[in-house]
């Protein structure tokens, strides 16, 4: 059985989760990048991660890379041809759509107000975010580059952007009080406790 310290730790983490800071991975087909992004997402308190793949196949994760983060972040696949509908729905729910893209209207990632409900959209290494989703964005962003290369690896860029969001939210006191309802916390905690118990039994 899980000890009380572990239960308290899970509850503490849920109190800091940021349900209105969400991620969408647009055809990020590299399982290594998916896994690294998930680890960064958990580190800053992201609860919901969504992803799509052009061939509509599941993108596997590497547990050696996630280091357990896959147990604490909800991960949902969106059908590739439903991406636009999905993003529009998030917009209708009041989320700003922030897209990483090298376009003329892009601003430094530090200039975005990440204390607002945000869906951060990132794309794959080769093509970036699709034009359909860029067209829906409320703001496109870049990470300023001072060298010869134009961009960073997607998992690195996502981590840097997420930590800017974490910095802003921390300064605003958004980690100090629960952003999930008491009912949501109890429901998620029950699911996590079961998952954690199963994972621990499988180890030994």
N, C-alpha and C. Protein backbone atom coordinates (compact mmCIF):
# COMPACT_ATOMS: atom_id res chain seq x y z
N UNK A 1 0.84 -1.20 0.00
CA UNK A 1 0.00 0.00 0.00
C UNK A 1 0.88 1.25 0.00
N UNK A 2 0.33 2.33 -0.58
CA UNK A 2 1.09 3.57 -0.60
C UNK A 2 1.11 4.20 0.78
N UNK A 3 2.26 4.70 1.17
CA UNK A 3 2.34 5.33 2.48
C UNK A 3 1.76 6.74 2.45
N UNK A 4 1.52 7.29 3.62
CA UNK A 4 0.87 8.60 3.72
C UNK A 4 1.73 9.71 3.12
N UNK A 5 3.04 9.56 3.19
CA UNK A 5 3.92 10.57 2.61
C UNK A 5 3.74 10.65 1.10
N UNK A 6 3.61 9.49 0.46
CA UNK A 6 3.40 9.46 -0.99
C UNK A 6 2.06 10.09 -1.35
N UNK A 7 1.03 9.77 -0.60
CA UNK A 7 -0.30 10.35 -0.85
C UNK A 7 -0.26 11.87 -0.70
N UNK A 8 0.43 12.33 0.32
CA UNK A 8 0.53 13.77 0.55
C UNK A 8 1.29 14.45 -0.59
N UNK A 9 2.31 13.77 -1.11
CA UNK A 9 3.09 14.31 -2.22
C UNK A 9 2.22 14.45 -3.47
N UNK A 10 1.41 13.45 -3.76
CA UNK A 10 0.52 13.50 -4.92
C UNK A 10 -0.48 14.64 -4.78
N UNK A 11 -1.02 14.80 -3.60
CA UNK A 11 -1.98 15.88 -3.37
C UNK A 11 -1.31 17.24 -3.52
N UNK A 12 -0.10 17.36 -3.03
CA UNK A 12 0.66 18.61 -3.14
C UNK A 12 0.88 18.98 -4.61
N UNK A 13 1.22 17.99 -5.42
CA UNK A 13 1.45 18.23 -6.85
C UNK A 13 0.16 18.68 -7.53
N UNK A 14 -0.95 18.06 -7.19
CA UNK A 14 -2.23 18.43 -7.78
C UNK A 14 -2.62 19.86 -7.43
N UNK A 15 -2.26 20.31 -6.24
CA UNK A 15 -2.55 21.69 -5.84
C UNK A 15 -1.82 22.69 -6.72
N UNK A 16 -0.71 22.27 -7.33
CA UNK A 16 0.08 23.18 -8.15
C UNK A 16 -0.16 23.02 -9.65
N UNK A 17 -0.95 22.05 -10.04
CA UNK A 17 -1.20 21.84 -11.47
C UNK A 17 -1.91 23.04 -12.08
N UNK A 18 -1.59 23.30 -13.35
CA UNK A 18 -2.13 24.45 -14.08
C UNK A 18 -3.01 23.95 -15.23
N UNK A 19 -4.29 23.70 -14.96
CA UNK A 19 -5.16 23.12 -15.99
C UNK A 19 -5.40 24.03 -17.19
N UNK A 20 -5.13 25.33 -17.03
CA UNK A 20 -5.36 26.26 -18.14
C UNK A 20 -4.06 26.63 -18.86
N UNK A 21 -3.01 25.86 -18.63
CA UNK A 21 -1.78 25.95 -19.43
C UNK A 21 -1.63 24.59 -20.10
N UNK A 22 -1.96 24.54 -21.40
CA UNK A 22 -2.02 23.27 -22.10
C UNK A 22 -1.08 23.26 -23.30
N UNK A 23 -0.76 22.06 -23.76
CA UNK A 23 0.17 21.86 -24.87
C UNK A 23 -0.50 21.09 -26.00
N UNK A 24 -0.21 21.50 -27.23
CA UNK A 24 -0.63 20.71 -28.39
C UNK A 24 0.58 20.49 -29.29
N UNK A 25 0.91 19.23 -29.55
CA UNK A 25 2.04 18.86 -30.40
C UNK A 25 1.52 18.51 -31.78
N UNK A 26 1.78 19.40 -32.73
CA UNK A 26 1.27 19.25 -34.09
C UNK A 26 2.23 18.40 -34.92
N UNK A 27 1.91 17.12 -35.06
CA UNK A 27 2.70 16.18 -35.86
C UNK A 27 4.16 16.11 -35.40
N UNK A 28 4.36 16.17 -34.09
CA UNK A 28 5.70 15.93 -33.54
C UNK A 28 5.84 14.42 -33.43
N UNK A 29 6.35 13.82 -34.51
CA UNK A 29 6.32 12.36 -34.64
C UNK A 29 7.49 11.66 -33.94
N UNK A 30 8.47 12.42 -33.49
CA UNK A 30 9.61 11.81 -32.78
C UNK A 30 9.18 11.41 -31.38
N UNK A 31 9.30 10.13 -31.08
CA UNK A 31 8.92 9.67 -29.75
C UNK A 31 9.87 10.22 -28.68
N UNK A 32 11.13 10.44 -29.05
CA UNK A 32 12.08 11.01 -28.09
C UNK A 32 11.69 12.44 -27.73
N UNK A 33 11.32 13.23 -28.75
CA UNK A 33 10.90 14.61 -28.48
C UNK A 33 9.60 14.64 -27.68
N UNK A 34 8.65 13.77 -28.04
CA UNK A 34 7.40 13.68 -27.27
C UNK A 34 7.69 13.41 -25.80
N UNK A 35 8.58 12.48 -25.56
CA UNK A 35 8.89 12.08 -24.19
C UNK A 35 9.57 13.21 -23.41
N UNK A 36 10.51 13.89 -24.05
CA UNK A 36 11.21 14.99 -23.39
C UNK A 36 10.26 16.14 -23.10
N UNK A 37 9.35 16.42 -24.03
CA UNK A 37 8.37 17.48 -23.82
C UNK A 37 7.45 17.15 -22.66
N UNK A 38 7.04 15.89 -22.58
CA UNK A 38 6.17 15.49 -21.48
C UNK A 38 6.86 15.69 -20.13
N UNK A 39 8.12 15.40 -20.06
CA UNK A 39 8.87 15.58 -18.81
C UNK A 39 8.92 17.06 -18.42
N UNK A 40 9.17 17.93 -19.39
CA UNK A 40 9.18 19.37 -19.13
C UNK A 40 7.79 19.86 -18.73
N UNK A 41 6.76 19.33 -19.39
CA UNK A 41 5.39 19.73 -19.09
C UNK A 41 5.05 19.43 -17.63
N UNK A 42 5.39 18.24 -17.18
CA UNK A 42 5.13 17.89 -15.79
C UNK A 42 5.90 18.79 -14.84
N UNK A 43 7.12 19.13 -15.21
CA UNK A 43 7.97 19.93 -14.33
C UNK A 43 7.39 21.31 -14.03
N UNK A 44 6.62 21.87 -14.96
CA UNK A 44 6.05 23.21 -14.74
C UNK A 44 4.58 23.15 -14.33
N UNK A 45 4.03 21.95 -14.17
CA UNK A 45 2.66 21.83 -13.69
C UNK A 45 1.59 21.70 -14.75
N UNK A 46 1.99 21.43 -16.00
CA UNK A 46 0.99 21.19 -17.05
C UNK A 46 0.25 19.89 -16.73
N UNK A 47 -1.06 19.92 -16.93
CA UNK A 47 -1.88 18.73 -16.69
C UNK A 47 -2.30 18.06 -17.98
N UNK A 48 -2.55 18.88 -19.03
CA UNK A 48 -3.12 18.35 -20.27
C UNK A 48 -2.17 18.55 -21.45
N UNK A 49 -1.80 17.46 -22.11
CA UNK A 49 -0.99 17.48 -23.32
C UNK A 49 -1.76 16.76 -24.42
N UNK A 50 -1.88 17.41 -25.57
CA UNK A 50 -2.57 16.83 -26.72
C UNK A 50 -1.57 16.71 -27.87
N UNK A 51 -1.79 15.75 -28.75
CA UNK A 51 -0.87 15.59 -29.88
C UNK A 51 -1.60 15.00 -31.08
N UNK A 52 -1.04 15.23 -32.25
CA UNK A 52 -1.56 14.64 -33.48
C UNK A 52 -0.39 14.09 -34.29
N UNK A 53 -0.70 13.13 -35.15
CA UNK A 53 0.30 12.57 -36.05
C UNK A 53 -0.32 12.48 -37.44
N UNK A 54 0.46 12.85 -38.45
CA UNK A 54 -0.07 12.91 -39.81
C UNK A 54 -0.67 11.58 -40.26
N UNK A 55 -0.08 10.47 -39.84
CA UNK A 55 -0.60 9.16 -40.24
C UNK A 55 -1.61 8.61 -39.23
N UNK A 56 -1.96 9.45 -38.24
CA UNK A 56 -2.92 9.08 -37.19
C UNK A 56 -2.49 7.86 -36.39
N UNK A 57 -1.20 7.60 -36.36
CA UNK A 57 -0.68 6.53 -35.53
C UNK A 57 -0.31 7.08 -34.15
N UNK A 58 -0.37 6.22 -33.16
CA UNK A 58 0.04 6.64 -31.83
C UNK A 58 1.55 6.90 -31.83
N UNK A 59 1.97 7.90 -31.08
CA UNK A 59 3.39 8.19 -30.92
C UNK A 59 3.79 7.67 -29.55
N UNK A 60 4.67 6.70 -29.55
CA UNK A 60 5.06 6.07 -28.29
C UNK A 60 5.93 7.00 -27.46
N UNK A 61 6.00 6.71 -26.18
CA UNK A 61 6.88 7.47 -25.30
C UNK A 61 7.95 6.55 -24.73
N UNK A 62 9.07 7.14 -24.34
CA UNK A 62 10.17 6.39 -23.75
C UNK A 62 10.20 6.66 -22.25
N UNK A 63 9.93 5.64 -21.48
CA UNK A 63 9.87 5.83 -20.03
C UNK A 63 11.22 6.21 -19.43
N UNK A 64 12.30 5.84 -20.12
CA UNK A 64 13.62 6.23 -19.63
C UNK A 64 13.84 7.74 -19.80
N UNK A 65 13.10 8.35 -20.73
CA UNK A 65 13.19 9.80 -20.94
C UNK A 65 12.19 10.54 -20.07
N UNK A 66 10.96 10.03 -20.01
CA UNK A 66 9.94 10.73 -19.21
C UNK A 66 10.23 10.66 -17.72
N UNK A 67 10.94 9.62 -17.29
CA UNK A 67 11.27 9.46 -15.86
C UNK A 67 10.02 9.53 -14.98
N UNK A 68 8.94 8.92 -15.47
CA UNK A 68 7.70 8.86 -14.69
C UNK A 68 6.72 9.97 -14.99
N UNK A 69 7.12 10.98 -15.76
CA UNK A 69 6.23 12.11 -16.04
C UNK A 69 4.96 11.67 -16.75
N UNK A 70 5.02 10.57 -17.51
CA UNK A 70 3.84 10.09 -18.23
C UNK A 70 2.72 9.67 -17.29
N UNK A 71 3.04 9.48 -16.02
CA UNK A 71 2.00 9.11 -15.05
C UNK A 71 1.27 10.34 -14.50
N UNK A 72 1.85 11.52 -14.68
CA UNK A 72 1.30 12.72 -14.05
C UNK A 72 0.80 13.76 -15.04
N UNK A 73 0.88 13.47 -16.33
CA UNK A 73 0.37 14.37 -17.37
C UNK A 73 -0.62 13.61 -18.22
N UNK A 74 -1.81 14.18 -18.39
CA UNK A 74 -2.82 13.57 -19.25
C UNK A 74 -2.40 13.76 -20.71
N UNK A 75 -2.39 12.68 -21.48
CA UNK A 75 -1.93 12.73 -22.88
C UNK A 75 -3.03 12.18 -23.78
N UNK A 76 -3.48 13.00 -24.72
CA UNK A 76 -4.61 12.60 -25.57
C UNK A 76 -4.28 12.84 -27.05
N UNK A 77 -4.53 11.84 -27.87
CA UNK A 77 -4.28 11.98 -29.31
C UNK A 77 -5.50 12.59 -29.99
N UNK A 78 -5.27 13.59 -30.82
CA UNK A 78 -6.31 14.24 -31.62
C UNK A 78 -6.14 13.78 -33.06
N UNK A 79 -7.22 13.32 -33.68
CA UNK A 79 -7.15 12.89 -35.07
C UNK A 79 -6.59 14.02 -35.93
N UNK A 80 -5.72 13.67 -36.87
CA UNK A 80 -5.01 14.70 -37.64
C UNK A 80 -5.98 15.64 -38.36
N UNK A 81 -7.05 15.11 -38.93
CA UNK A 81 -7.98 15.98 -39.65
C UNK A 81 -8.95 16.72 -38.73
N UNK A 82 -8.79 16.52 -37.40
CA UNK A 82 -9.62 17.23 -36.43
C UNK A 82 -8.83 18.32 -35.70
N UNK A 83 -7.60 18.57 -36.14
CA UNK A 83 -6.75 19.54 -35.43
C UNK A 83 -7.34 20.94 -35.41
N UNK A 84 -7.83 21.38 -36.57
CA UNK A 84 -8.39 22.73 -36.65
C UNK A 84 -9.62 22.86 -35.77
N UNK A 85 -10.48 21.86 -35.81
CA UNK A 85 -11.68 21.86 -34.97
C UNK A 85 -11.28 21.90 -33.50
N UNK A 86 -10.28 21.12 -33.14
CA UNK A 86 -9.81 21.06 -31.76
C UNK A 86 -9.31 22.43 -31.29
N UNK A 87 -8.47 23.07 -32.10
CA UNK A 87 -7.90 24.36 -31.70
C UNK A 87 -8.98 25.42 -31.64
N UNK A 88 -9.91 25.41 -32.58
CA UNK A 88 -11.02 26.37 -32.53
C UNK A 88 -11.86 26.18 -31.27
N UNK A 89 -12.04 24.94 -30.87
CA UNK A 89 -12.80 24.66 -29.65
C UNK A 89 -12.08 25.25 -28.44
N UNK A 90 -10.78 25.08 -28.38
CA UNK A 90 -10.01 25.65 -27.27
C UNK A 90 -10.12 27.17 -27.27
N UNK A 91 -10.10 27.76 -28.45
CA UNK A 91 -10.23 29.20 -28.57
C UNK A 91 -11.61 29.65 -28.06
N UNK A 92 -12.64 28.90 -28.42
CA UNK A 92 -14.00 29.22 -27.98
C UNK A 92 -14.15 29.09 -26.47
N UNK A 93 -13.32 28.24 -25.87
CA UNK A 93 -13.34 28.06 -24.41
C UNK A 93 -12.61 29.19 -23.69
N UNK A 94 -12.02 30.11 -24.46
CA UNK A 94 -11.35 31.26 -23.85
C UNK A 94 -9.85 31.16 -23.75
N UNK A 95 -9.26 30.17 -24.42
CA UNK A 95 -7.81 30.03 -24.36
C UNK A 95 -7.15 30.82 -25.49
N UNK A 96 -6.06 31.51 -25.18
CA UNK A 96 -5.28 32.12 -26.25
C UNK A 96 -4.44 31.04 -26.91
N UNK A 97 -4.34 31.12 -28.23
CA UNK A 97 -3.58 30.13 -28.99
C UNK A 97 -2.22 30.73 -29.32
N UNK A 98 -1.19 30.20 -28.71
CA UNK A 98 0.17 30.69 -28.91
C UNK A 98 0.95 29.63 -29.68
N UNK A 99 1.47 30.02 -30.84
CA UNK A 99 2.10 29.07 -31.76
C UNK A 99 3.56 29.44 -31.98
N UNK A 100 4.43 28.44 -31.89
CA UNK A 100 5.84 28.68 -32.22
C UNK A 100 5.98 28.65 -33.74
N UNK A 101 6.45 29.76 -34.32
CA UNK A 101 6.55 29.84 -35.78
C UNK A 101 7.50 30.96 -36.18
N UNK A 102 8.30 30.70 -37.20
CA UNK A 102 9.20 31.72 -37.74
C UNK A 102 8.45 32.52 -38.80
N UNK A 103 7.56 33.41 -38.36
CA UNK A 103 6.86 34.24 -39.35
C UNK A 103 7.02 35.72 -38.99
N UNK A 104 6.56 36.57 -39.89
CA UNK A 104 6.82 38.01 -39.76
C UNK A 104 6.16 38.62 -38.54
N UNK A 105 5.08 38.04 -38.06
CA UNK A 105 4.35 38.61 -36.93
C UNK A 105 4.80 38.06 -35.58
N UNK A 106 5.76 37.15 -35.58
CA UNK A 106 6.18 36.51 -34.34
C UNK A 106 6.90 37.50 -33.42
N UNK A 107 6.63 37.35 -32.12
CA UNK A 107 7.30 38.17 -31.10
C UNK A 107 8.12 37.25 -30.20
N UNK A 108 8.99 37.83 -29.41
CA UNK A 108 9.75 37.04 -28.45
C UNK A 108 8.78 36.34 -27.49
N UNK A 109 9.10 35.11 -27.16
CA UNK A 109 8.25 34.34 -26.25
C UNK A 109 8.08 35.03 -24.89
N UNK A 110 8.99 35.91 -24.54
CA UNK A 110 8.92 36.60 -23.25
C UNK A 110 7.86 37.70 -23.24
N UNK A 111 7.36 38.07 -24.42
CA UNK A 111 6.37 39.16 -24.50
C UNK A 111 4.93 38.67 -24.40
N UNK A 112 4.73 37.39 -24.33
CA UNK A 112 3.38 36.83 -24.22
C UNK A 112 2.98 36.75 -22.75
N UNK A 113 1.72 37.07 -22.47
CA UNK A 113 1.19 36.96 -21.11
C UNK A 113 0.71 35.53 -20.88
N UNK A 114 1.56 34.72 -20.30
CA UNK A 114 1.23 33.32 -20.06
C UNK A 114 0.41 33.10 -18.79
N UNK A 115 0.05 34.19 -18.11
CA UNK A 115 -0.88 34.02 -16.99
C UNK A 115 -2.31 33.86 -17.49
N UNK A 116 -2.53 34.15 -18.76
CA UNK A 116 -3.84 33.93 -19.37
C UNK A 116 -3.99 32.45 -19.75
N UNK A 117 -5.23 31.95 -19.79
CA UNK A 117 -5.42 30.57 -20.26
C UNK A 117 -4.78 30.40 -21.64
N UNK A 118 -3.91 29.42 -21.77
CA UNK A 118 -3.07 29.32 -22.97
C UNK A 118 -2.98 27.89 -23.48
N UNK A 119 -3.13 27.75 -24.80
CA UNK A 119 -2.78 26.52 -25.49
C UNK A 119 -1.52 26.82 -26.29
N UNK A 120 -0.41 26.21 -25.91
CA UNK A 120 0.86 26.38 -26.62
C UNK A 120 0.97 25.30 -27.68
N UNK A 121 1.14 25.71 -28.94
CA UNK A 121 1.20 24.78 -30.06
C UNK A 121 2.62 24.75 -30.62
N UNK A 122 3.19 23.55 -30.70
CA UNK A 122 4.53 23.39 -31.26
C UNK A 122 4.49 22.35 -32.38
N UNK A 123 5.45 22.45 -33.30
CA UNK A 123 5.45 21.55 -34.45
C UNK A 123 6.71 20.71 -34.52
N UNK A 124 6.81 19.91 -35.58
CA UNK A 124 7.95 19.01 -35.71
C UNK A 124 9.19 19.73 -36.23
N UNK A 125 10.31 19.02 -36.19
CA UNK A 125 11.60 19.61 -36.55
C UNK A 125 11.67 20.05 -38.01
N UNK A 126 11.05 19.29 -38.89
CA UNK A 126 11.18 19.55 -40.33
C UNK A 126 10.27 20.66 -40.82
N UNK A 127 8.99 20.59 -40.48
CA UNK A 127 8.01 21.50 -41.06
C UNK A 127 7.43 22.52 -40.10
N UNK A 128 7.65 22.33 -38.81
CA UNK A 128 7.06 23.25 -37.85
C UNK A 128 5.55 23.06 -37.74
N UNK A 129 4.88 24.06 -37.22
CA UNK A 129 3.42 24.01 -37.08
C UNK A 129 2.78 24.25 -38.44
N UNK A 130 1.70 23.53 -38.73
CA UNK A 130 1.02 23.66 -40.02
C UNK A 130 0.43 25.05 -40.20
N UNK A 131 0.33 25.47 -41.45
CA UNK A 131 -0.21 26.80 -41.76
C UNK A 131 -1.65 26.96 -41.28
N UNK A 132 -2.41 25.88 -41.29
CA UNK A 132 -3.80 25.95 -40.82
C UNK A 132 -3.87 26.39 -39.37
N UNK A 133 -2.96 25.90 -38.56
CA UNK A 133 -2.97 26.25 -37.14
C UNK A 133 -2.32 27.61 -36.89
N UNK A 134 -1.31 27.94 -37.68
CA UNK A 134 -0.72 29.28 -37.57
C UNK A 134 -1.78 30.33 -37.85
N UNK A 135 -2.64 30.06 -38.83
CA UNK A 135 -3.70 31.00 -39.19
C UNK A 135 -4.69 31.22 -38.05
N UNK A 136 -4.82 30.25 -37.16
CA UNK A 136 -5.74 30.36 -36.03
C UNK A 136 -5.11 31.00 -34.80
N UNK A 137 -3.81 31.22 -34.84
CA UNK A 137 -3.11 31.67 -33.64
C UNK A 137 -3.50 33.08 -33.24
N UNK A 138 -3.50 33.32 -31.94
CA UNK A 138 -3.65 34.67 -31.42
C UNK A 138 -2.30 35.37 -31.40
N UNK A 139 -1.24 34.58 -31.29
CA UNK A 139 0.10 35.13 -31.33
C UNK A 139 1.09 34.04 -31.73
N UNK A 140 2.00 34.39 -32.63
CA UNK A 140 3.12 33.50 -32.94
C UNK A 140 4.34 34.00 -32.18
N UNK A 141 5.18 33.05 -31.77
CA UNK A 141 6.34 33.42 -30.95
C UNK A 141 7.61 32.77 -31.48
N UNK A 142 8.72 33.39 -31.13
CA UNK A 142 10.04 32.83 -31.42
C UNK A 142 10.91 32.97 -30.18
N UNK A 143 11.95 32.16 -30.12
CA UNK A 143 12.99 32.32 -29.11
C UNK A 143 14.15 33.03 -29.80
N UNK A 144 14.54 34.23 -29.34
CA UNK A 144 15.62 34.97 -30.01
C UNK A 144 16.90 34.14 -30.11
N UNK A 145 17.48 34.13 -31.30
CA UNK A 145 18.70 33.36 -31.55
C UNK A 145 19.84 34.33 -31.88
N UNK A 146 20.98 34.16 -31.25
CA UNK A 146 22.11 35.06 -31.43
C UNK A 146 23.25 34.43 -32.23
N UNK A 147 23.05 33.21 -32.68
CA UNK A 147 24.08 32.52 -33.43
C UNK A 147 23.66 32.29 -34.87
N UNK A 148 24.28 31.35 -35.53
CA UNK A 148 24.02 31.07 -36.94
C UNK A 148 22.74 30.26 -37.15
N UNK A 149 22.41 29.39 -36.19
CA UNK A 149 21.22 28.55 -36.38
C UNK A 149 19.96 29.36 -36.16
N UNK A 150 18.88 28.94 -36.82
CA UNK A 150 17.62 29.68 -36.75
C UNK A 150 16.70 29.21 -35.64
N UNK A 151 16.90 27.99 -35.17
CA UNK A 151 15.95 27.47 -34.20
C UNK A 151 16.61 26.42 -33.31
N UNK A 152 15.89 26.07 -32.24
CA UNK A 152 16.33 25.03 -31.31
C UNK A 152 15.56 23.75 -31.57
N UNK A 153 16.06 22.65 -31.04
CA UNK A 153 15.30 21.41 -31.04
C UNK A 153 13.95 21.67 -30.39
N UNK A 154 12.90 21.03 -30.91
CA UNK A 154 11.54 21.32 -30.44
C UNK A 154 11.36 21.05 -28.95
N UNK A 155 11.99 20.01 -28.44
CA UNK A 155 11.82 19.73 -27.01
C UNK A 155 12.52 20.78 -26.15
N UNK A 156 13.66 21.28 -26.63
CA UNK A 156 14.38 22.33 -25.90
C UNK A 156 13.59 23.63 -25.96
N UNK A 157 13.11 23.99 -27.15
CA UNK A 157 12.34 25.23 -27.31
C UNK A 157 11.07 25.20 -26.47
N UNK A 158 10.42 24.04 -26.43
CA UNK A 158 9.20 23.92 -25.63
C UNK A 158 9.51 24.09 -24.15
N UNK A 159 10.59 23.48 -23.69
CA UNK A 159 10.98 23.59 -22.28
C UNK A 159 11.27 25.04 -21.91
N UNK A 160 11.99 25.75 -22.76
CA UNK A 160 12.32 27.15 -22.49
C UNK A 160 11.04 27.98 -22.40
N UNK A 161 10.13 27.77 -23.33
CA UNK A 161 8.87 28.52 -23.34
C UNK A 161 8.02 28.19 -22.13
N UNK A 162 7.95 26.92 -21.78
CA UNK A 162 7.17 26.52 -20.61
C UNK A 162 7.73 27.13 -19.33
N UNK A 163 9.03 27.25 -19.25
CA UNK A 163 9.60 27.83 -18.03
C UNK A 163 9.40 29.34 -17.97
N UNK A 164 9.23 29.99 -19.11
CA UNK A 164 8.82 31.39 -19.08
C UNK A 164 7.38 31.49 -18.56
N UNK A 165 6.53 30.58 -19.00
CA UNK A 165 5.15 30.54 -18.49
C UNK A 165 5.16 30.27 -16.98
N UNK A 166 6.00 29.34 -16.55
CA UNK A 166 6.09 29.03 -15.12
C UNK A 166 6.56 30.25 -14.32
N UNK A 167 7.54 30.96 -14.85
CA UNK A 167 8.07 32.15 -14.16
C UNK A 167 6.97 33.18 -13.96
N UNK A 168 6.23 33.46 -15.05
CA UNK A 168 5.16 34.45 -14.97
C UNK A 168 4.07 34.02 -13.99
N UNK A 169 3.68 32.77 -14.06
CA UNK A 169 2.61 32.28 -13.19
C UNK A 169 3.06 32.23 -11.73
N UNK A 170 4.29 31.89 -11.52
CA UNK A 170 4.81 31.87 -10.15
C UNK A 170 4.83 33.28 -9.57
N UNK A 171 5.28 34.26 -10.37
CA UNK A 171 5.29 35.65 -9.92
C UNK A 171 3.88 36.15 -9.62
N UNK A 172 2.90 35.62 -10.34
CA UNK A 172 1.51 36.03 -10.15
C UNK A 172 0.82 35.24 -9.03
N UNK A 173 1.55 34.35 -8.38
CA UNK A 173 0.98 33.57 -7.28
C UNK A 173 0.04 32.46 -7.71
N UNK A 174 0.17 32.03 -8.97
CA UNK A 174 -0.78 31.05 -9.50
C UNK A 174 -0.48 29.62 -9.07
N UNK A 175 0.65 29.41 -8.41
CA UNK A 175 0.96 28.09 -7.86
C UNK A 175 0.64 28.01 -6.36
N UNK A 176 0.18 29.12 -5.81
CA UNK A 176 -0.01 29.20 -4.36
C UNK A 176 -1.35 28.63 -3.89
N UNK A 177 -2.35 28.65 -4.76
CA UNK A 177 -3.66 28.10 -4.41
C UNK A 177 -4.11 27.15 -5.52
N UNK A 178 -4.85 26.12 -5.19
CA UNK A 178 -5.27 25.14 -6.21
C UNK A 178 -6.08 25.78 -7.34
N UNK A 179 -5.78 25.38 -8.56
CA UNK A 179 -6.53 25.87 -9.72
C UNK A 179 -7.51 24.81 -10.22
N UNK A 180 -7.44 23.64 -9.64
CA UNK A 180 -8.44 22.60 -9.87
C UNK A 180 -9.47 22.68 -8.76
N UNK A 181 -10.70 22.27 -9.04
CA UNK A 181 -11.72 22.22 -8.00
C UNK A 181 -11.42 21.06 -7.05
N UNK A 182 -12.03 21.10 -5.87
CA UNK A 182 -11.83 20.02 -4.90
C UNK A 182 -12.27 18.68 -5.49
N UNK A 183 -13.36 18.70 -6.25
CA UNK A 183 -13.85 17.47 -6.87
C UNK A 183 -12.86 16.94 -7.90
N UNK A 184 -12.32 17.84 -8.72
CA UNK A 184 -11.34 17.43 -9.73
C UNK A 184 -10.10 16.85 -9.07
N UNK A 185 -9.66 17.49 -8.00
CA UNK A 185 -8.47 17.00 -7.29
C UNK A 185 -8.69 15.59 -6.77
N UNK A 186 -9.85 15.34 -6.18
CA UNK A 186 -10.15 14.01 -5.64
C UNK A 186 -10.22 12.96 -6.74
N UNK A 187 -10.85 13.32 -7.86
CA UNK A 187 -10.98 12.37 -8.97
C UNK A 187 -9.62 12.02 -9.56
N UNK A 188 -8.81 13.03 -9.80
CA UNK A 188 -7.49 12.80 -10.38
C UNK A 188 -6.60 12.06 -9.37
N UNK A 189 -6.69 12.44 -8.11
CA UNK A 189 -5.88 11.79 -7.08
C UNK A 189 -6.17 10.30 -7.01
N UNK A 190 -7.43 9.92 -7.06
CA UNK A 190 -7.79 8.50 -7.02
C UNK A 190 -7.17 7.75 -8.19
N UNK A 191 -7.26 8.36 -9.39
CA UNK A 191 -6.69 7.72 -10.59
C UNK A 191 -5.17 7.62 -10.47
N UNK A 192 -4.54 8.66 -9.98
CA UNK A 192 -3.08 8.67 -9.84
C UNK A 192 -2.61 7.66 -8.81
N UNK A 193 -3.33 7.57 -7.69
CA UNK A 193 -2.94 6.62 -6.65
C UNK A 193 -3.00 5.19 -7.16
N UNK A 194 -4.04 4.91 -7.94
CA UNK A 194 -4.15 3.56 -8.51
C UNK A 194 -3.01 3.31 -9.49
N UNK A 195 -2.76 4.27 -10.36
CA UNK A 195 -1.69 4.13 -11.36
C UNK A 195 -0.33 3.98 -10.69
N UNK A 196 -0.11 4.77 -9.66
CA UNK A 196 1.16 4.72 -8.94
C UNK A 196 1.34 3.37 -8.25
N UNK A 197 0.26 2.86 -7.69
CA UNK A 197 0.31 1.56 -7.01
C UNK A 197 0.65 0.45 -7.99
N UNK A 198 0.02 0.49 -9.16
CA UNK A 198 0.29 -0.52 -10.19
C UNK A 198 1.74 -0.44 -10.65
N UNK A 199 2.23 0.78 -10.89
CA UNK A 199 3.60 0.97 -11.36
C UNK A 199 4.61 0.46 -10.33
N UNK A 200 4.33 0.69 -9.06
CA UNK A 200 5.26 0.25 -8.02
C UNK A 200 5.24 -1.27 -7.87
N UNK A 201 4.07 -1.87 -8.02
CA UNK A 201 4.00 -3.33 -7.93
C UNK A 201 4.74 -3.99 -9.09
N UNK A 202 4.66 -3.37 -10.27
CA UNK A 202 5.32 -3.96 -11.44
C UNK A 202 6.83 -3.92 -11.32
N UNK A 203 7.34 -3.02 -10.49
CA UNK A 203 8.79 -2.93 -10.28
C UNK A 203 9.29 -3.99 -9.31
N UNK A 204 8.34 -4.51 -8.57
CA UNK A 204 8.89 -5.40 -7.65
C UNK A 204 8.34 -6.26 -6.80
